[in-house]
Structures are given as structure tokens and as C-alpha cells.
Amino acid sequence: MSVPSPYADRLQRLPVRRHEVEVAGGITAYWEYGAPDAQATVVAVHGFRGEHHGLEPVLAYLPEARVLVPDLPGFGESAPLPGRRHDLDAYASWLIGFAAAVAPGAVILGHSFGSIVAAAAVAGGLETPRLILLNPIGAPALEGPKGLMTRLAILYYALGARLPERLGTALLRNRVIVRVMSITMAKTHDPALRRFIHDQHDTYFSRFSDREVLHDAFVASVSHDVREFAPRISVPTLLVAAQRDDITPIEAERHLATLFPDAELVEIAHVGHLIHYETPAEAAGAIRRFLRIPVARGR
């Protein structure tokens, strides 16, 4: 990463430890942020094509919690799941196993595609006292305001999977296409913050193990949404949604909140699908209030 993080000073004060654990036959790398004796422990799942770094700005504003952030299998530093298609069932099963291995009973948090994985896991039996979903995918991708872009993305990932391996992988890691994705999602007018967001995507958006894993995960991300799991999730749930999200319109997020037996919706204005980069302080504040964590002195 060559562009300084606007959140670097806060992150430098946050204890971070790297770990590995075997789950479902593969090695999952994960990072532990915060003090081991913090008041709340959270397992956080990042979004599609991301990895643990993407959630760091939110964690920088949440030093009172202990947060465990794995790289999803096949992304970042985590190995793919051996012998398995990386579909939603595989990811949900993996999350259940991961949480049981490193933090039984932890609060579960998911961002974007991670919101689908987290919701599927909790609906499938993952025990947690509370569920937090940032930029939840609350409607079919093809029905959103960027439905045409989704159709183009489907063609893009299909082409990347079908071309000869070297050519297909190069297409999927193409920096121009990654930059177009980044520009499309960013809403901030702050030039320094936009540079940081683009650099984050340039640095981490192509750290997938192979094109088969990437294609499987993409298909899972556009074939499911949180609505199908919401009625089966009985624990208190926090939805942190963006009023300018192109992937799930805010009207769909408001409807999604009504599908849970016990849900609270917090809306953040002037931001789209990058709450974790553009408004991390607001997201962390909503999480802190939801978990009833007092603000640490000096923060």
C-alpha cells in the first residue's frame, strides 16, 4: 500500500496479532484486534474480493472490542477449502467451524458478501448473542439500481473462468477493471480518501487464490441475499445501511429490517457500499451502542 491511511494513527494504537487455524481441512489466517480481555468479542467477515484489511478502519474506531477477522477461504492469506466448491453452503459451514474453533459464543459481524455468509451461518445454527450486518445485501443483485452493471459483472467473471488460465486470471486481476469497480462504489468527494480507497482496492482486491474460487464466490454473492435467512434469525440484529448504496437501495434495506424477528436499522447518509472506508466512525458508533460498550477514555 503506497497511499497513507487516514486512519493510520488510530490503527497504530490498536494491538494486532496474526493467527492460523485449521477449519474444514484448510488453513484459515485471521487477525486479532484489541485486547484479549475486552468487554466484547466479535468475529467479523469481510466482503467479496476483500480480505481482513478492509475492515480495519471500522476497528480503528472500536478499540474497546476484541475483533477476530479471518480472510475468507481462498482470499488473502487463507487457503482454499480442499475438495469443495466455494459456494454459500461451504462458506457458511466454514464460518460455523471457524467461530467454534476460535471464539465460541462471539458476536458475528458480516460486511457485504460477508453479510450473506454470516446470516446463512446464524440461520444454519451458529450460536451468537447478536448479529451485525454492514452494507447487508438485502435484495437480488440483478434488481438493484446497478442491475446492468451486475449483468456485465456476470459476463466478466464467466469470461475470466472460461478463457485459458493465464489469460483468464490476468483479466480478473486487470488493474483498470479493478479501478472502474472502485470508482463506481466510492461516493466521497474527499480526494485523499478516494486515493486511499482506490489504493486499497489496487492492493488487496486481487488477492484470490485462483479463478475457480473467485468465480464460485461471485456466483454465491449474486445468487443469494440476506432476505432468505432473516426470518430464521432470532437473535437481536443490527443492520448498518447506506442511503446511497447502489447494490442494495435503502428502501430494500428498510424492508429487510422488517423480515427479522428482532432487528434495528441504522442508516448512514451520503455514503454508498463503502461504509467501512468512508464512514467507519459512524459504523463503529452504531456497533458500540448496539453492543452497549462504553467509550474508552482517551479515544
C-alpha atoms as a PDB file:
ATOM      1  CA  MET A   1       0.000   0.000   0.000  1.00  0.00           C
ATOM      2  CA  SER A   2       1.533   3.328  -1.083  1.00  0.00           C
ATOM      3  CA  VAL A   3      -1.213   5.789  -0.055  1.00  0.00           C
ATOM      4  CA  PRO A   4      -1.284   6.725   3.654  1.00  0.00           C
ATOM      5  CA  SER A   5      -4.361   5.605   5.550  1.00  0.00           C
ATOM      6  CA  PRO A   6      -6.488   8.391   7.059  1.00  0.00           C
ATOM      7  CA  TYR A   7      -6.935   6.011   9.984  1.00  0.00           C
ATOM      8  CA  ALA A   8      -3.256   5.131  10.494  1.00  0.00           C
ATOM      9  CA  ASP A   9      -2.843   6.932  13.823  1.00  0.00           C
ATOM     10  CA  ARG A  10      -5.755   5.065  15.379  1.00  0.00           C
ATOM     11  CA  LEU A  11      -4.689   1.731  13.917  1.00  0.00           C
ATOM     12  CA  GLN A  12      -1.174   2.121  15.298  1.00  0.00           C
ATOM     13  CA  ARG A  13      -2.640   2.250  18.804  1.00  0.00           C
ATOM     14  CA  LEU A  14      -4.634  -0.937  18.266  1.00  0.00           C
ATOM     15  CA  PRO A  15      -2.983  -4.237  19.280  1.00  0.00           C
ATOM     16  CA  VAL A  16      -2.955  -6.695  16.352  1.00  0.00           C
ATOM     17  CA  ARG A  17      -1.897 -10.366  16.361  1.00  0.00           C
ATOM     18  CA  ARG A  18      -1.891 -12.805  13.431  1.00  0.00           C
ATOM     19  CA  HIS A  19      -3.017 -16.431  13.906  1.00  0.00           C
ATOM     20  CA  GLU A  20      -3.798 -19.518  11.861  1.00  0.00           C
ATOM     21  CA  VAL A  21      -6.304 -22.301  12.470  1.00  0.00           C
ATOM     22  CA  GLU A  22      -7.335 -25.382  10.531  1.00  0.00           C
ATOM     23  CA  VAL A  23     -11.003 -25.334   9.543  1.00  0.00           C
ATOM     24  CA  ALA A  24     -12.720 -27.770   7.160  1.00  0.00           C
ATOM     25  CA  GLY A  25      -9.368 -29.155   6.083  1.00  0.00           C
ATOM     26  CA  GLY A  26      -7.879 -25.800   5.091  1.00  0.00           C
ATOM     27  CA  ILE A  27      -5.727 -23.265   6.918  1.00  0.00           C
ATOM     28  CA  THR A  28      -7.513 -20.033   7.753  1.00  0.00           C
ATOM     29  CA  ALA A  29      -5.408 -16.977   8.563  1.00  0.00           C
ATOM     30  CA  TYR A  30      -7.009 -14.495  10.933  1.00  0.00           C
ATOM     31  CA  TRP A  31      -6.106 -11.352  12.816  1.00  0.00           C
ATOM     32  CA  GLU A  32      -6.998 -10.474  16.397  1.00  0.00           C
ATOM     33  CA  TYR A  33      -7.555  -6.768  17.038  1.00  0.00           C
ATOM     34  CA  GLY A  34      -7.857  -5.280  20.502  1.00  0.00           C
ATOM     35  CA  ALA A  35      -7.178  -6.557  23.999  1.00  0.00           C
ATOM     36  CA  PRO A  36      -7.803 -10.250  24.783  1.00  0.00           C
ATOM     37  CA  ASP A  37      -9.842  -9.230  27.857  1.00  0.00           C
ATOM     38  CA  ALA A  38     -12.067  -6.728  26.018  1.00  0.00           C
ATOM     39  CA  GLN A  39     -15.718  -6.434  27.008  1.00  0.00           C
ATOM     40  CA  ALA A  40     -16.989  -7.974  23.765  1.00  0.00           C
ATOM     41  CA  THR A  41     -15.562 -10.447  21.264  1.00  0.00           C
ATOM     42  CA  VAL A  42     -16.639 -10.159  17.632  1.00  0.00           C
ATOM     43  CA  VAL A  43     -15.943 -12.421  14.645  1.00  0.00           C
ATOM     44  CA  ALA A  44     -16.042 -10.238  11.517  1.00  0.00           C
ATOM     45  CA  VAL A  45     -16.413 -11.485   7.918  1.00  0.00           C
ATOM     46  CA  HIS A  46     -15.270  -9.289   5.031  1.00  0.00           C
ATOM     47  CA  GLY A  47     -16.875  -8.859   1.621  1.00  0.00           C
ATOM     48  CA  PHE A  48     -16.361 -10.308  -1.845  1.00  0.00           C
ATOM     49  CA  ARG A  49     -12.806  -9.981  -3.228  1.00  0.00           C
ATOM     50  CA  GLY A  50     -11.759  -8.343   0.032  1.00  0.00           C
ATOM     51  CA  GLU A  51      -9.754  -9.554   2.977  1.00  0.00           C
ATOM     52  CA  HIS A  52      -9.153  -8.539   6.582  1.00  0.00           C
ATOM     53  CA  HIS A  53      -7.571  -5.141   5.842  1.00  0.00           C
ATOM     54  CA  GLY A  54     -10.854  -3.793   4.531  1.00  0.00           C
ATOM     55  CA  LEU A  55     -12.491  -3.764   7.955  1.00  0.00           C
ATOM     56  CA  GLU A  56      -9.572  -2.104   9.736  1.00  0.00           C
ATOM     57  CA  PRO A  57     -10.941   1.468   9.506  1.00  0.00           C
ATOM     58  CA  VAL A  58     -14.048   0.405  11.455  1.00  0.00           C
ATOM     59  CA  LEU A  59     -11.931  -1.439  14.022  1.00  0.00           C
ATOM     60  CA  ALA A  60      -9.755   1.650  14.434  1.00  0.00           C
ATOM     61  CA  TYR A  61     -12.831   3.348  15.919  1.00  0.00           C
ATOM     62  CA  LEU A  62     -13.772   0.314  18.021  1.00  0.00           C
ATOM     63  CA  PRO A  63     -10.739  -0.234  20.282  1.00  0.00           C
ATOM     64  CA  GLU A  64     -12.949  -1.326  23.183  1.00  0.00           C
ATOM     65  CA  ALA A  65     -13.783  -4.657  21.494  1.00  0.00           C
ATOM     66  CA  ARG A  66     -11.735  -7.740  20.619  1.00  0.00           C
ATOM     67  CA  VAL A  67     -12.379  -8.461  16.954  1.00  0.00           C
ATOM     68  CA  LEU A  68     -11.220 -11.562  15.080  1.00  0.00           C
ATOM     69  CA  VAL A  69     -11.105 -11.047  11.321  1.00  0.00           C
ATOM     70  CA  PRO A  70     -10.316 -14.048   9.097  1.00  0.00           C
ATOM     71  CA  ASP A  71      -9.514 -13.938   5.428  1.00  0.00           C
ATOM     72  CA  LEU A  72     -12.252 -15.942   3.717  1.00  0.00           C
ATOM     73  CA  PRO A  73     -11.023 -19.298   2.358  1.00  0.00           C
ATOM     74  CA  GLY A  74      -9.360 -18.707  -0.995  1.00  0.00           C
ATOM     75  CA  PHE A  75      -8.751 -14.993  -0.367  1.00  0.00           C
ATOM     76  CA  GLY A  76      -5.914 -13.050   1.206  1.00  0.00           C
ATOM     77  CA  GLU A  77      -3.709 -15.394   3.197  1.00  0.00           C
ATOM     78  CA  SER A  78      -6.292 -18.158   3.741  1.00  0.00           C
ATOM     79  CA  ALA A  79      -6.033 -21.374   1.747  1.00  0.00           C
ATOM     80  CA  PRO A  80      -8.997 -22.609  -0.284  1.00  0.00           C
ATOM     81  CA  LEU A  81     -11.185 -25.328   1.171  1.00  0.00           C
ATOM     82  CA  PRO A  82      -9.804 -28.583  -0.254  1.00  0.00           C
ATOM     83  CA  GLY A  83     -12.103 -30.609  -2.445  1.00  0.00           C
ATOM     84  CA  ARG A  84     -15.055 -28.235  -2.127  1.00  0.00           C
ATOM     85  CA  ARG A  85     -16.852 -25.812  -4.342  1.00  0.00           C
ATOM     86  CA  HIS A  86     -16.700 -22.393  -2.705  1.00  0.00           C
ATOM     87  CA  ASP A  87     -20.442 -21.804  -2.656  1.00  0.00           C
ATOM     88  CA  LEU A  88     -22.537 -20.268   0.103  1.00  0.00           C
ATOM     89  CA  ASP A  89     -23.067 -23.583   1.903  1.00  0.00           C
ATOM     90  CA  ALA A  90     -19.300 -24.084   2.047  1.00  0.00           C
ATOM     91  CA  TYR A  91     -18.654 -20.590   3.399  1.00  0.00           C
ATOM     92  CA  ALA A  92     -21.451 -20.789   5.978  1.00  0.00           C
ATOM     93  CA  SER A  93     -20.212 -24.192   7.163  1.00  0.00           C
ATOM     94  CA  TRP A  94     -16.675 -22.828   7.323  1.00  0.00           C
ATOM     95  CA  LEU A  95     -17.800 -19.843   9.448  1.00  0.00           C
ATOM     96  CA  ILE A  96     -19.599 -22.137  11.885  1.00  0.00           C
ATOM     97  CA  GLY A  97     -16.414 -24.177  12.237  1.00  0.00           C
ATOM     98  CA  PHE A  98     -14.174 -21.125  12.494  1.00  0.00           C
ATOM     99  CA  ALA A  99     -16.230 -19.474  15.235  1.00  0.00           C
ATOM    100  CA  ALA A 100     -16.388 -22.751  17.186  1.00  0.00           C
ATOM    101  CA  ALA A 101     -12.611 -23.104  16.969  1.00  0.00           C
ATOM    102  CA  VAL A 102     -11.507 -19.594  17.937  1.00  0.00           C
ATOM    103  CA  ALA A 103     -14.359 -17.771  19.708  1.00  0.00           C
ATOM    104  CA  PRO A 104     -17.445 -19.816  20.652  1.00  0.00           C
ATOM    105  CA  GLY A 105     -20.360 -17.550  21.503  1.00  0.00           C
ATOM    106  CA  ALA A 106     -18.846 -14.436  19.900  1.00  0.00           C
ATOM    107  CA  VAL A 107     -20.909 -11.713  18.281  1.00  0.00           C
ATOM    108  CA  ILE A 108     -20.954 -12.241  14.491  1.00  0.00           C
ATOM    109  CA  LEU A 109     -20.447  -9.384  12.019  1.00  0.00           C
ATOM    110  CA  GLY A 110     -20.582  -9.518   8.230  1.00  0.00           C
ATOM    111  CA  HIS A 111     -19.977  -6.869   5.588  1.00  0.00           C
ATOM    112  CA  SER A 112     -21.491  -7.044   2.081  1.00  0.00           C
ATOM    113  CA  PHE A 113     -20.993 -10.644   0.854  1.00  0.00           C
ATOM    114  CA  GLY A 114     -19.933 -11.354   4.433  1.00  0.00           C
ATOM    115  CA  SER A 115     -23.445 -10.328   5.494  1.00  0.00           C
ATOM    116  CA  ILE A 116     -24.848 -13.202   3.417  1.00  0.00           C
ATOM    117  CA  VAL A 117     -22.298 -15.666   4.824  1.00  0.00           C
ATOM    118  CA  ALA A 118     -22.933 -14.519   8.393  1.00  0.00           C
ATOM    119  CA  ALA A 119     -26.729 -14.616   8.017  1.00  0.00           C
ATOM    120  CA  ALA A 120     -26.633 -18.072   6.420  1.00  0.00           C
ATOM    121  CA  ALA A 121     -24.394 -19.384   9.201  1.00  0.00           C
ATOM    122  CA  VAL A 122     -26.536 -17.968  12.019  1.00  0.00           C
ATOM    123  CA  ALA A 123     -29.724 -19.244  10.366  1.00  0.00           C
ATOM    124  CA  GLY A 124     -27.962 -22.599   9.994  1.00  0.00           C
ATOM    125  CA  GLY A 125     -27.167 -22.978  13.680  1.00  0.00           C
ATOM    126  CA  LEU A 126     -24.190 -20.765  14.509  1.00  0.00           C
ATOM    127  CA  GLU A 127     -24.757 -19.681  18.101  1.00  0.00           C
ATOM    128  CA  THR A 128     -24.246 -15.993  18.759  1.00  0.00           C
ATOM    129  CA  PRO A 129     -25.813 -13.485  21.146  1.00  0.00           C
ATOM    130  CA  ARG A 130     -26.050 -10.784  18.458  1.00  0.00           C
ATOM    131  CA  LEU A 131     -25.614 -10.316  14.726  1.00  0.00           C
ATOM    132  CA  ILE A 132     -24.269  -7.202  12.968  1.00  0.00           C
ATOM    133  CA  LEU A 133     -24.578  -6.652   9.214  1.00  0.00           C
ATOM    134  CA  LEU A 134     -22.784  -3.749   7.475  1.00  0.00           C
ATOM    135  CA  ASN A 135     -23.992  -2.875   3.976  1.00  0.00           C
ATOM    136  CA  PRO A 136     -26.171  -6.002   4.058  1.00  0.00           C
ATOM    137  CA  ILE A 137     -27.121  -7.485   0.709  1.00  0.00           C
ATOM    138  CA  GLY A 138     -30.869  -7.147   1.119  1.00  0.00           C
ATOM    139  CA  ALA A 139     -32.132  -7.638  -2.429  1.00  0.00           C
ATOM    140  CA  PRO A 140     -31.213  -9.636  -5.548  1.00  0.00           C
ATOM    141  CA  ALA A 141     -28.202  -8.064  -7.251  1.00  0.00           C
ATOM    142  CA  LEU A 142     -29.925  -8.043 -10.633  1.00  0.00           C
ATOM    143  CA  GLU A 143     -32.803  -5.956  -9.259  1.00  0.00           C
ATOM    144  CA  GLY A 144     -30.738  -3.116  -7.819  1.00  0.00           C
ATOM    145  CA  PRO A 145     -30.177   0.289  -9.462  1.00  0.00           C
ATOM    146  CA  LYS A 146     -26.968  -1.126 -10.954  1.00  0.00           C
ATOM    147  CA  GLY A 147     -28.607  -4.269 -12.348  1.00  0.00           C
ATOM    148  CA  LEU A 148     -26.978  -3.677 -15.732  1.00  0.00           C
ATOM    149  CA  MET A 149     -23.567  -3.459 -14.085  1.00  0.00           C
ATOM    150  CA  THR A 150     -24.283  -6.748 -12.338  1.00  0.00           C
ATOM    151  CA  ARG A 151     -25.087  -8.407 -15.657  1.00  0.00           C
ATOM    152  CA  LEU A 152     -21.826  -7.110 -17.068  1.00  0.00           C
ATOM    153  CA  ALA A 153     -20.023  -8.436 -13.988  1.00  0.00           C
ATOM    154  CA  ILE A 154     -21.585 -11.864 -14.541  1.00  0.00           C
ATOM    155  CA  LEU A 155     -20.204 -11.864 -18.090  1.00  0.00           C
ATOM    156  CA  TYR A 156     -16.826 -10.662 -16.831  1.00  0.00           C
ATOM    157  CA  TYR A 157     -16.437 -13.409 -14.235  1.00  0.00           C
ATOM    158  CA  ALA A 158     -17.761 -16.060 -16.612  1.00  0.00           C
ATOM    159  CA  LEU A 159     -15.239 -14.985 -19.247  1.00  0.00           C
ATOM    160  CA  GLY A 160     -12.454 -14.993 -16.685  1.00  0.00           C
ATOM    161  CA  ALA A 161     -13.350 -18.556 -15.769  1.00  0.00           C
ATOM    162  CA  ARG A 162     -13.553 -19.827 -19.360  1.00  0.00           C
ATOM    163  CA  LEU A 163     -10.540 -18.260 -21.032  1.00  0.00           C
ATOM    164  CA  PRO A 164      -7.196 -20.098 -20.969  1.00  0.00           C
ATOM    165  CA  GLU A 165      -5.981 -19.963 -17.375  1.00  0.00           C
ATOM    166  CA  ARG A 166      -3.210 -17.397 -17.769  1.00  0.00           C
ATOM    167  CA  LEU A 167      -5.358 -15.064 -19.856  1.00  0.00           C
ATOM    168  CA  GLY A 168      -8.437 -15.508 -17.663  1.00  0.00           C
ATOM    169  CA  THR A 169      -6.532 -14.822 -14.453  1.00  0.00           C
ATOM    170  CA  ALA A 170      -4.920 -11.737 -15.991  1.00  0.00           C
ATOM    171  CA  LEU A 171      -8.353 -10.426 -16.946  1.00  0.00           C
ATOM    172  CA  LEU A 172      -9.695 -10.947 -13.428  1.00  0.00           C
ATOM    173  CA  ARG A 173      -6.698  -9.119 -11.944  1.00  0.00           C
ATOM    174  CA  ASN A 174      -6.725  -6.327 -14.524  1.00  0.00           C
ATOM    175  CA  ARG A 175      -5.949  -3.082 -12.694  1.00  0.00           C
ATOM    176  CA  VAL A 176      -8.074  -0.920 -14.997  1.00  0.00           C
ATOM    177  CA  ILE A 177     -11.175  -3.031 -14.329  1.00  0.00           C
ATOM    178  CA  VAL A 178     -10.445  -3.043 -10.590  1.00  0.00           C
ATOM    179  CA  ARG A 179     -10.167   0.752 -10.690  1.00  0.00           C
ATOM    180  CA  VAL A 180     -13.512   1.066 -12.510  1.00  0.00           C
ATOM    181  CA  MET A 181     -15.119  -1.052  -9.764  1.00  0.00           C
ATOM    182  CA  SER A 182     -13.562   1.182  -7.119  1.00  0.00           C
ATOM    183  CA  ILE A 183     -14.647   4.420  -8.784  1.00  0.00           C
ATOM    184  CA  THR A 184     -18.189   3.095  -9.169  1.00  0.00           C
ATOM    185  CA  MET A 185     -18.523   2.291  -5.457  1.00  0.00           C
ATOM    186  CA  ALA A 186     -16.837   5.344  -3.920  1.00  0.00           C
ATOM    187  CA  LYS A 187     -19.133   8.282  -3.086  1.00  0.00           C
ATOM    188  CA  THR A 188     -16.833  10.583  -1.133  1.00  0.00           C
ATOM    189  CA  HIS A 189     -15.655  13.833  -2.719  1.00  0.00           C
ATOM    190  CA  ASP A 190     -12.556  13.930  -0.489  1.00  0.00           C
ATOM    191  CA  PRO A 191      -9.644  13.407  -2.918  1.00  0.00           C
ATOM    192  CA  ALA A 192      -7.318  11.994  -0.246  1.00  0.00           C
ATOM    193  CA  LEU A 193      -9.923   9.487   0.892  1.00  0.00           C
ATOM    194  CA  ARG A 194     -10.681   8.497  -2.715  1.00  0.00           C
ATOM    195  CA  ARG A 195      -6.965   7.874  -3.329  1.00  0.00           C
ATOM    196  CA  PHE A 196      -6.850   5.692  -0.221  1.00  0.00           C
ATOM    197  CA  ILE A 197      -9.913   3.692  -1.298  1.00  0.00           C
ATOM    198  CA  HIS A 198      -8.531   3.113  -4.791  1.00  0.00           C
ATOM    199  CA  ASP A 199      -5.159   2.088  -3.359  1.00  0.00           C
ATOM    200  CA  GLN A 200      -6.855  -0.375  -1.013  1.00  0.00           C
ATOM    201  CA  HIS A 201      -8.636  -1.997  -3.940  1.00  0.00           C
ATOM    202  CA  ASP A 202      -5.474  -1.962  -6.077  1.00  0.00           C
ATOM    203  CA  THR A 203      -3.531  -3.639  -3.265  1.00  0.00           C
ATOM    204  CA  TYR A 204      -6.000  -6.195  -1.917  1.00  0.00           C
ATOM    205  CA  PHE A 205      -8.794  -6.759  -4.454  1.00  0.00           C
ATOM    206  CA  SER A 206      -6.854  -9.334  -6.465  1.00  0.00           C
ATOM    207  CA  ARG A 207      -5.518 -11.470  -3.631  1.00  0.00           C
ATOM    208  CA  PHE A 208      -7.617 -14.506  -4.511  1.00  0.00           C
ATOM    209  CA  SER A 209      -6.036 -17.950  -4.757  1.00  0.00           C
ATOM    210  CA  ASP A 210      -7.322 -18.887  -8.212  1.00  0.00           C
ATOM    211  CA  ARG A 211     -10.038 -18.030 -10.682  1.00  0.00           C
ATOM    212  CA  GLU A 212     -12.225 -21.028  -9.779  1.00  0.00           C
ATOM    213  CA  VAL A 213     -12.546 -19.851  -6.167  1.00  0.00           C
ATOM    214  CA  LEU A 214     -13.235 -16.299  -7.326  1.00  0.00           C
ATOM    215  CA  HIS A 215     -15.927 -17.418  -9.760  1.00  0.00           C
ATOM    216  CA  ASP A 216     -17.593 -19.672  -7.169  1.00  0.00           C
ATOM    217  CA  ALA A 217     -17.666 -16.863  -4.613  1.00  0.00           C
ATOM    218  CA  PHE A 218     -19.026 -14.390  -7.156  1.00  0.00           C
ATOM    219  CA  VAL A 219     -21.838 -16.749  -8.140  1.00  0.00           C
ATOM    220  CA  ALA A 220     -22.662 -17.208  -4.435  1.00  0.00           C
ATOM    221  CA  SER A 221     -22.680 -13.429  -3.923  1.00  0.00           C
ATOM    222  CA  VAL A 222     -25.200 -12.740  -6.704  1.00  0.00           C
ATOM    223  CA  SER A 223     -27.338 -15.853  -6.182  1.00  0.00           C
ATOM    224  CA  HIS A 224     -28.307 -15.161  -2.566  1.00  0.00           C
ATOM    225  CA  ASP A 225     -29.219 -12.290  -0.285  1.00  0.00           C
ATOM    226  CA  VAL A 226     -29.945 -11.846   3.400  1.00  0.00           C
ATOM    227  CA  ARG A 227     -33.737 -11.890   2.961  1.00  0.00           C
ATOM    228  CA  GLU A 228     -33.857 -15.684   2.615  1.00  0.00           C
ATOM    229  CA  PHE A 229     -32.285 -16.131   6.073  1.00  0.00           C
ATOM    230  CA  ALA A 230     -33.730 -13.197   8.043  1.00  0.00           C
ATOM    231  CA  PRO A 231     -36.950 -14.885   9.309  1.00  0.00           C
ATOM    232  CA  ARG A 232     -34.886 -17.710  10.836  1.00  0.00           C
ATOM    233  CA  ILE A 233     -32.566 -15.430  12.789  1.00  0.00           C
ATOM    234  CA  SER A 234     -33.979 -14.881  16.262  1.00  0.00           C
ATOM    235  CA  VAL A 235     -31.059 -13.058  17.899  1.00  0.00           C
ATOM    236  CA  PRO A 236     -31.012  -9.252  18.064  1.00  0.00           C
ATOM    237  CA  THR A 237     -29.646  -7.983  14.765  1.00  0.00           C
ATOM    238  CA  LEU A 238     -28.161  -4.632  13.759  1.00  0.00           C
ATOM    239  CA  LEU A 239     -28.301  -3.508  10.136  1.00  0.00           C
ATOM    240  CA  VAL A 240     -26.000  -0.614   9.222  1.00  0.00           C
ATOM    241  CA  ALA A 241     -27.087   0.551   5.770  1.00  0.00           C
ATOM    242  CA  ALA A 242     -26.034   3.320   3.401  1.00  0.00           C
ATOM    243  CA  GLN A 243     -28.567   5.685   1.903  1.00  0.00           C
ATOM    244  CA  ARG A 244     -26.666   5.801  -1.415  1.00  0.00           C
ATOM    245  CA  ASP A 245     -25.833   2.115  -1.759  1.00  0.00           C
ATOM    246  CA  ASP A 246     -26.029   1.105  -5.423  1.00  0.00           C
ATOM    247  CA  ILE A 247     -26.078  -2.611  -4.634  1.00  0.00           C
ATOM    248  CA  THR A 248     -28.997  -2.629  -2.198  1.00  0.00           C
ATOM    249  CA  PRO A 249     -31.201   0.516  -2.271  1.00  0.00           C
ATOM    250  CA  ILE A 250     -32.094   1.950   1.109  1.00  0.00           C
ATOM    251  CA  GLU A 251     -35.781   1.147   0.527  1.00  0.00           C
ATOM    252  CA  ALA A 252     -34.839  -2.537   0.247  1.00  0.00           C
ATOM    253  CA  GLU A 253     -32.769  -2.282   3.437  1.00  0.00           C
ATOM    254  CA  ARG A 254     -35.766  -0.832   5.263  1.00  0.00           C
ATOM    255  CA  HIS A 255     -37.864  -3.755   4.082  1.00  0.00           C
ATOM    256  CA  LEU A 256     -35.118  -6.214   5.040  1.00  0.00           C
ATOM    257  CA  ALA A 257     -35.219  -4.952   8.623  1.00  0.00           C
ATOM    258  CA  THR A 258     -38.898  -5.920   8.874  1.00  0.00           C
ATOM    259  CA  LEU A 259     -38.107  -9.554   7.986  1.00  0.00           C
ATOM    260  CA  PHE A 260     -36.089 -10.196  11.147  1.00  0.00           C
ATOM    261  CA  PRO A 261     -37.926 -11.042  14.370  1.00  0.00           C
ATOM    262  CA  ASP A 262     -35.689  -8.552  16.229  1.00  0.00           C
ATOM    263  CA  ALA A 263     -33.763  -6.036  14.123  1.00  0.00           C
ATOM    264  CA  GLU A 264     -32.579  -2.454  14.356  1.00  0.00           C
ATOM    265  CA  LEU A 265     -31.704  -0.415  11.253  1.00  0.00           C
ATOM    266  CA  VAL A 266     -29.169   2.415  11.336  1.00  0.00           C
ATOM    267  CA  GLU A 267     -28.943   4.498   8.150  1.00  0.00           C
ATOM    268  CA  ILE A 268     -25.857   6.469   7.200  1.00  0.00           C
ATOM    269  CA  ALA A 269     -26.294   9.358   4.770  1.00  0.00           C
ATOM    270  CA  HIS A 270     -24.011  10.457   1.918  1.00  0.00           C
ATOM    271  CA  VAL A 271     -22.286   7.077   1.577  1.00  0.00           C
ATOM    272  CA  GLY A 272     -22.706   4.032  -0.629  1.00  0.00           C
ATOM    273  CA  HIS A 273     -21.383   0.477  -0.426  1.00  0.00           C
ATOM    274  CA  LEU A 274     -18.117   1.511   1.241  1.00  0.00           C
ATOM    275  CA  ILE A 275     -19.282   2.335   4.761  1.00  0.00           C
ATOM    276  CA  HIS A 276     -16.158   0.592   6.073  1.00  0.00           C
ATOM    277  CA  TYR A 277     -13.902   3.051   4.233  1.00  0.00           C
ATOM    278  CA  GLU A 278     -15.915   6.277   4.069  1.00  0.00           C
ATOM    279  CA  THR A 279     -17.843   6.395   7.376  1.00  0.00           C
ATOM    280  CA  PRO A 280     -16.095   3.943   9.738  1.00  0.00           C
ATOM    281  CA  ALA A 281     -16.590   6.149  12.804  1.00  0.00           C
ATOM    282  CA  GLU A 282     -20.359   6.195  12.302  1.00  0.00           C
ATOM    283  CA  ALA A 283     -20.419   2.425  11.779  1.00  0.00           C
ATOM    284  CA  ALA A 284     -18.319   1.815  14.884  1.00  0.00           C
ATOM    285  CA  GLY A 285     -20.570   4.103  16.921  1.00  0.00           C
ATOM    286  CA  ALA A 286     -23.639   2.139  15.862  1.00  0.00           C
ATOM    287  CA  ILE A 287     -21.899  -1.131  16.762  1.00  0.00           C
ATOM    288  CA  ARG A 288     -20.779   0.198  20.129  1.00  0.00           C
ATOM    289  CA  ARG A 289     -24.299   1.322  21.017  1.00  0.00           C
ATOM    290  CA  PHE A 290     -25.766  -1.983  19.850  1.00  0.00           C
ATOM    291  CA  LEU A 291     -23.297  -3.969  21.984  1.00  0.00           C
ATOM    292  CA  ARG A 292     -23.645  -1.488  24.861  1.00  0.00           C
ATOM    293  CA  ILE A 293     -19.901  -0.910  25.040  1.00  0.00           C
ATOM    294  CA  PRO A 294     -18.878   2.319  26.809  1.00  0.00           C
ATOM    295  CA  VAL A 295     -16.381   4.543  25.022  1.00  0.00           C
ATOM    296  CA  ALA A 296     -12.836   4.049  26.305  1.00  0.00           C
ATOM    297  CA  ARG A 297     -11.256   7.091  27.896  1.00  0.00           C
ATOM    298  CA  GLY A 298      -8.821   8.990  25.738  1.00  0.00           C
ATOM    299  CA  ARG A 299     -10.334   7.673  22.497  1.00  0.00           C
END
